[in-house]
Amino acid sequence: MTKLDFKPRGVCARMIHVELSEDGQTIENVSFEGGCNGNLKAIGKLVAGQPVDRIVEMLEGNTCGPRKTSCADQMTRALREAQGLVAE
């Protein structure tokens, strides 16, 4: 399993914790520190067990109010960074 602690930028969440399967293709777990607690817990539950590519395709570029990013968008960046660790 690959684990990554990702510091998001431009959002309320302070940290995103990502765990991917050994091959880096499936999300095992995602959790957030800070941000909208209920919504971010729900995102973690919805993405668990899903393919990384599917979630990134769905949520990449998602915005929050006037911001050009969101916690979901930052999560997609964390997922891709974690996949990069698997490739090393």
N, C-alpha and C. Protein backbone atom coordinates (compact mmCIF):
# COMPACT_ATOMS: atom_id res chain seq x y z
N MET A 1 0.84 -1.17 0.00
CA MET A 1 0.00 0.00 0.00
C MET A 1 0.89 1.25 0.00
N THR A 2 0.48 2.23 -0.77
CA THR A 2 1.19 3.51 -0.83
C THR A 2 0.42 4.55 -0.04
N LYS A 3 1.11 5.26 0.85
CA LYS A 3 0.49 6.30 1.66
C LYS A 3 1.14 7.63 1.36
N LEU A 4 0.32 8.69 1.36
CA LEU A 4 0.83 10.04 1.11
C LEU A 4 0.06 11.02 1.98
N ASP A 5 0.78 11.93 2.60
CA ASP A 5 0.18 13.07 3.29
C ASP A 5 0.42 14.28 2.41
N PHE A 6 -0.65 14.87 1.91
CA PHE A 6 -0.59 15.94 0.91
C PHE A 6 -1.10 17.24 1.53
N LYS A 7 -0.32 18.31 1.40
CA LYS A 7 -0.73 19.62 1.90
C LYS A 7 -1.41 20.38 0.77
N PRO A 8 -2.74 20.52 0.84
CA PRO A 8 -3.46 21.21 -0.23
C PRO A 8 -3.22 22.72 -0.19
N ARG A 9 -3.49 23.36 -1.32
CA ARG A 9 -3.32 24.81 -1.43
C ARG A 9 -4.64 25.44 -1.86
N GLY A 10 -4.95 26.58 -1.26
CA GLY A 10 -6.11 27.36 -1.68
C GLY A 10 -7.45 26.83 -1.21
N VAL A 11 -7.46 25.94 -0.21
CA VAL A 11 -8.71 25.38 0.31
C VAL A 11 -8.67 25.40 1.84
N CYS A 12 -9.80 25.08 2.44
CA CYS A 12 -9.90 25.09 3.91
C CYS A 12 -9.22 23.89 4.55
N ALA A 13 -9.22 22.75 3.88
CA ALA A 13 -8.57 21.57 4.44
C ALA A 13 -7.07 21.84 4.61
N ARG A 14 -6.52 21.34 5.71
CA ARG A 14 -5.09 21.56 6.00
C ARG A 14 -4.21 20.41 5.52
N MET A 15 -4.81 19.22 5.39
CA MET A 15 -4.03 18.05 4.99
C MET A 15 -4.98 17.02 4.37
N ILE A 16 -4.47 16.28 3.38
CA ILE A 16 -5.22 15.18 2.78
C ILE A 16 -4.34 13.94 2.90
N HIS A 17 -4.89 12.89 3.50
CA HIS A 17 -4.20 11.62 3.67
C HIS A 17 -4.75 10.63 2.65
N VAL A 18 -3.87 10.07 1.84
CA VAL A 18 -4.27 9.17 0.75
C VAL A 18 -3.58 7.82 0.93
N GLU A 19 -4.34 6.76 0.72
CA GLU A 19 -3.78 5.40 0.69
C GLU A 19 -4.26 4.73 -0.59
N LEU A 20 -3.30 4.25 -1.39
CA LEU A 20 -3.62 3.55 -2.64
C LEU A 20 -3.21 2.09 -2.54
N SER A 21 -3.81 1.27 -3.40
CA SER A 21 -3.45 -0.14 -3.48
C SER A 21 -1.99 -0.28 -3.91
N GLU A 22 -1.47 -1.47 -3.78
CA GLU A 22 -0.05 -1.74 -4.14
C GLU A 22 0.29 -1.29 -5.55
N ASP A 23 -0.64 -1.49 -6.50
CA ASP A 23 -0.35 -1.11 -7.89
C ASP A 23 -0.68 0.35 -8.18
N GLY A 24 -1.23 1.08 -7.18
CA GLY A 24 -1.51 2.49 -7.35
C GLY A 24 -2.73 2.82 -8.18
N GLN A 25 -3.55 1.81 -8.47
CA GLN A 25 -4.70 2.02 -9.35
C GLN A 25 -6.02 2.22 -8.60
N THR A 26 -6.06 1.80 -7.33
CA THR A 26 -7.31 1.84 -6.57
C THR A 26 -7.13 2.63 -5.28
N ILE A 27 -8.12 3.42 -4.95
CA ILE A 27 -8.10 4.20 -3.71
C ILE A 27 -8.53 3.30 -2.56
N GLU A 28 -7.67 3.17 -1.58
CA GLU A 28 -8.00 2.39 -0.39
C GLU A 28 -8.67 3.28 0.65
N ASN A 29 -8.14 4.50 0.84
CA ASN A 29 -8.67 5.40 1.85
C ASN A 29 -8.24 6.83 1.54
N VAL A 30 -9.13 7.78 1.83
CA VAL A 30 -8.82 9.20 1.77
C VAL A 30 -9.45 9.85 2.99
N SER A 31 -8.68 10.68 3.68
CA SER A 31 -9.23 11.45 4.79
C SER A 31 -8.64 12.85 4.76
N PHE A 32 -9.39 13.77 5.33
CA PHE A 32 -9.02 15.18 5.32
C PHE A 32 -8.89 15.69 6.74
N GLU A 33 -7.99 16.65 6.95
CA GLU A 33 -7.91 17.42 8.19
C GLU A 33 -8.39 18.82 7.88
N GLY A 34 -9.32 19.33 8.67
CA GLY A 34 -9.87 20.65 8.43
C GLY A 34 -10.91 20.60 7.33
N GLY A 35 -11.42 21.75 6.96
CA GLY A 35 -12.42 21.82 5.91
C GLY A 35 -13.82 21.49 6.41
N CYS A 36 -14.71 21.24 5.51
CA CYS A 36 -16.12 20.93 5.82
C CYS A 36 -16.22 19.47 6.22
N ASN A 37 -16.20 19.22 7.50
CA ASN A 37 -16.07 17.89 8.06
C ASN A 37 -17.02 16.86 7.45
N GLY A 38 -18.31 17.13 7.47
CA GLY A 38 -19.28 16.16 6.96
C GLY A 38 -19.11 15.88 5.48
N ASN A 39 -18.93 16.92 4.69
CA ASN A 39 -18.76 16.74 3.25
C ASN A 39 -17.48 15.97 2.92
N LEU A 40 -16.42 16.27 3.62
CA LEU A 40 -15.14 15.62 3.32
C LEU A 40 -15.14 14.17 3.80
N LYS A 41 -15.82 13.86 4.89
CA LYS A 41 -15.98 12.46 5.30
C LYS A 41 -16.75 11.71 4.23
N ALA A 42 -17.80 12.34 3.69
CA ALA A 42 -18.61 11.71 2.64
C ALA A 42 -17.77 11.45 1.39
N ILE A 43 -16.94 12.41 1.00
CA ILE A 43 -16.07 12.20 -0.17
C ILE A 43 -15.17 10.99 0.07
N GLY A 44 -14.58 10.90 1.26
CA GLY A 44 -13.71 9.76 1.59
C GLY A 44 -14.45 8.44 1.44
N LYS A 45 -15.68 8.37 1.90
CA LYS A 45 -16.47 7.13 1.79
C LYS A 45 -16.81 6.82 0.34
N LEU A 46 -17.15 7.85 -0.43
CA LEU A 46 -17.54 7.64 -1.82
C LEU A 46 -16.39 7.17 -2.71
N VAL A 47 -15.18 7.64 -2.43
CA VAL A 47 -14.06 7.29 -3.31
C VAL A 47 -13.36 6.00 -2.91
N ALA A 48 -13.55 5.52 -1.69
CA ALA A 48 -12.88 4.29 -1.23
C ALA A 48 -13.29 3.12 -2.12
N GLY A 49 -12.29 2.39 -2.60
CA GLY A 49 -12.51 1.25 -3.47
C GLY A 49 -12.66 1.58 -4.94
N GLN A 50 -12.63 2.85 -5.28
CA GLN A 50 -12.81 3.29 -6.66
C GLN A 50 -11.46 3.41 -7.38
N PRO A 51 -11.49 3.26 -8.71
CA PRO A 51 -10.26 3.47 -9.47
C PRO A 51 -9.82 4.93 -9.44
N VAL A 52 -8.53 5.17 -9.26
CA VAL A 52 -7.98 6.52 -9.23
C VAL A 52 -8.38 7.29 -10.48
N ASP A 53 -8.21 6.68 -11.66
CA ASP A 53 -8.48 7.38 -12.91
C ASP A 53 -9.93 7.85 -13.00
N ARG A 54 -10.85 7.04 -12.53
CA ARG A 54 -12.26 7.41 -12.59
C ARG A 54 -12.55 8.63 -11.70
N ILE A 55 -12.01 8.63 -10.50
CA ILE A 55 -12.24 9.73 -9.57
C ILE A 55 -11.57 11.01 -10.06
N VAL A 56 -10.35 10.90 -10.57
CA VAL A 56 -9.66 12.08 -11.09
C VAL A 56 -10.45 12.66 -12.27
N GLU A 57 -10.91 11.81 -13.16
CA GLU A 57 -11.68 12.28 -14.32
C GLU A 57 -12.95 13.02 -13.87
N MET A 58 -13.57 12.52 -12.82
CA MET A 58 -14.82 13.09 -12.35
C MET A 58 -14.63 14.41 -11.59
N LEU A 59 -13.59 14.52 -10.76
CA LEU A 59 -13.47 15.64 -9.83
C LEU A 59 -12.38 16.66 -10.14
N GLU A 60 -11.47 16.34 -11.04
CA GLU A 60 -10.40 17.28 -11.37
C GLU A 60 -10.99 18.57 -11.93
N GLY A 61 -10.54 19.70 -11.40
CA GLY A 61 -11.01 20.99 -11.88
C GLY A 61 -12.24 21.51 -11.15
N ASN A 62 -12.78 20.72 -10.22
CA ASN A 62 -13.93 21.15 -9.43
C ASN A 62 -13.55 22.39 -8.63
N THR A 63 -14.44 23.38 -8.57
CA THR A 63 -14.16 24.61 -7.85
C THR A 63 -15.04 24.74 -6.61
N CYS A 64 -14.68 25.67 -5.74
CA CYS A 64 -15.44 25.95 -4.51
C CYS A 64 -15.67 27.45 -4.45
N GLY A 65 -16.92 27.88 -4.65
CA GLY A 65 -17.23 29.31 -4.65
C GLY A 65 -16.36 30.03 -5.66
N PRO A 66 -15.75 31.16 -5.26
CA PRO A 66 -14.93 31.92 -6.20
C PRO A 66 -13.51 31.34 -6.39
N ARG A 67 -13.18 30.32 -5.62
CA ARG A 67 -11.83 29.73 -5.72
C ARG A 67 -11.70 28.94 -7.01
N LYS A 68 -10.47 28.86 -7.50
CA LYS A 68 -10.20 28.11 -8.73
C LYS A 68 -9.94 26.64 -8.46
N THR A 69 -10.06 26.22 -7.21
CA THR A 69 -9.84 24.84 -6.81
C THR A 69 -10.83 24.50 -5.71
N SER A 70 -10.79 23.28 -5.24
CA SER A 70 -11.65 22.82 -4.14
C SER A 70 -10.93 21.68 -3.44
N CYS A 71 -11.48 21.24 -2.33
CA CYS A 71 -10.88 20.09 -1.65
C CYS A 71 -10.90 18.86 -2.55
N ALA A 72 -11.98 18.69 -3.32
CA ALA A 72 -12.06 17.54 -4.23
C ALA A 72 -10.99 17.64 -5.31
N ASP A 73 -10.79 18.84 -5.86
CA ASP A 73 -9.75 19.05 -6.88
C ASP A 73 -8.37 18.80 -6.29
N GLN A 74 -8.13 19.30 -5.08
CA GLN A 74 -6.84 19.08 -4.43
C GLN A 74 -6.63 17.59 -4.16
N MET A 75 -7.70 16.87 -3.84
CA MET A 75 -7.60 15.43 -3.64
C MET A 75 -7.12 14.74 -4.91
N THR A 76 -7.59 15.19 -6.07
CA THR A 76 -7.14 14.57 -7.33
C THR A 76 -5.64 14.77 -7.51
N ARG A 77 -5.14 15.91 -7.10
CA ARG A 77 -3.70 16.16 -7.18
C ARG A 77 -2.93 15.24 -6.24
N ALA A 78 -3.51 15.04 -5.05
CA ALA A 78 -2.89 14.12 -4.08
C ALA A 78 -2.88 12.69 -4.62
N LEU A 79 -3.97 12.29 -5.26
CA LEU A 79 -4.05 10.94 -5.83
C LEU A 79 -2.98 10.73 -6.90
N ARG A 80 -2.81 11.72 -7.78
CA ARG A 80 -1.80 11.60 -8.84
C ARG A 80 -0.39 11.60 -8.25
N GLU A 81 -0.17 12.40 -7.22
CA GLU A 81 1.15 12.41 -6.59
C GLU A 81 1.44 11.05 -5.96
N ALA A 82 0.45 10.47 -5.31
CA ALA A 82 0.62 9.14 -4.70
C ALA A 82 0.89 8.10 -5.77
N GLN A 83 0.21 8.19 -6.90
CA GLN A 83 0.49 7.26 -8.00
C GLN A 83 1.93 7.39 -8.48
N GLY A 84 2.45 8.60 -8.48
CA GLY A 84 3.84 8.82 -8.87
C GLY A 84 4.80 8.12 -7.94
N LEU A 85 4.46 8.01 -6.67
CA LEU A 85 5.30 7.29 -5.71
C LEU A 85 5.36 5.80 -6.04
N VAL A 86 4.26 5.26 -6.52
CA VAL A 86 4.21 3.84 -6.88
C VAL A 86 5.15 3.57 -8.06
N ALA A 87 5.20 4.50 -9.00
CA ALA A 87 6.00 4.33 -10.21
C ALA A 87 7.49 4.38 -9.92
N GLU A 88 7.89 4.97 -8.78
CA GLU A 88 9.33 5.12 -8.48
C GLU A 88 9.98 3.83 -8.11
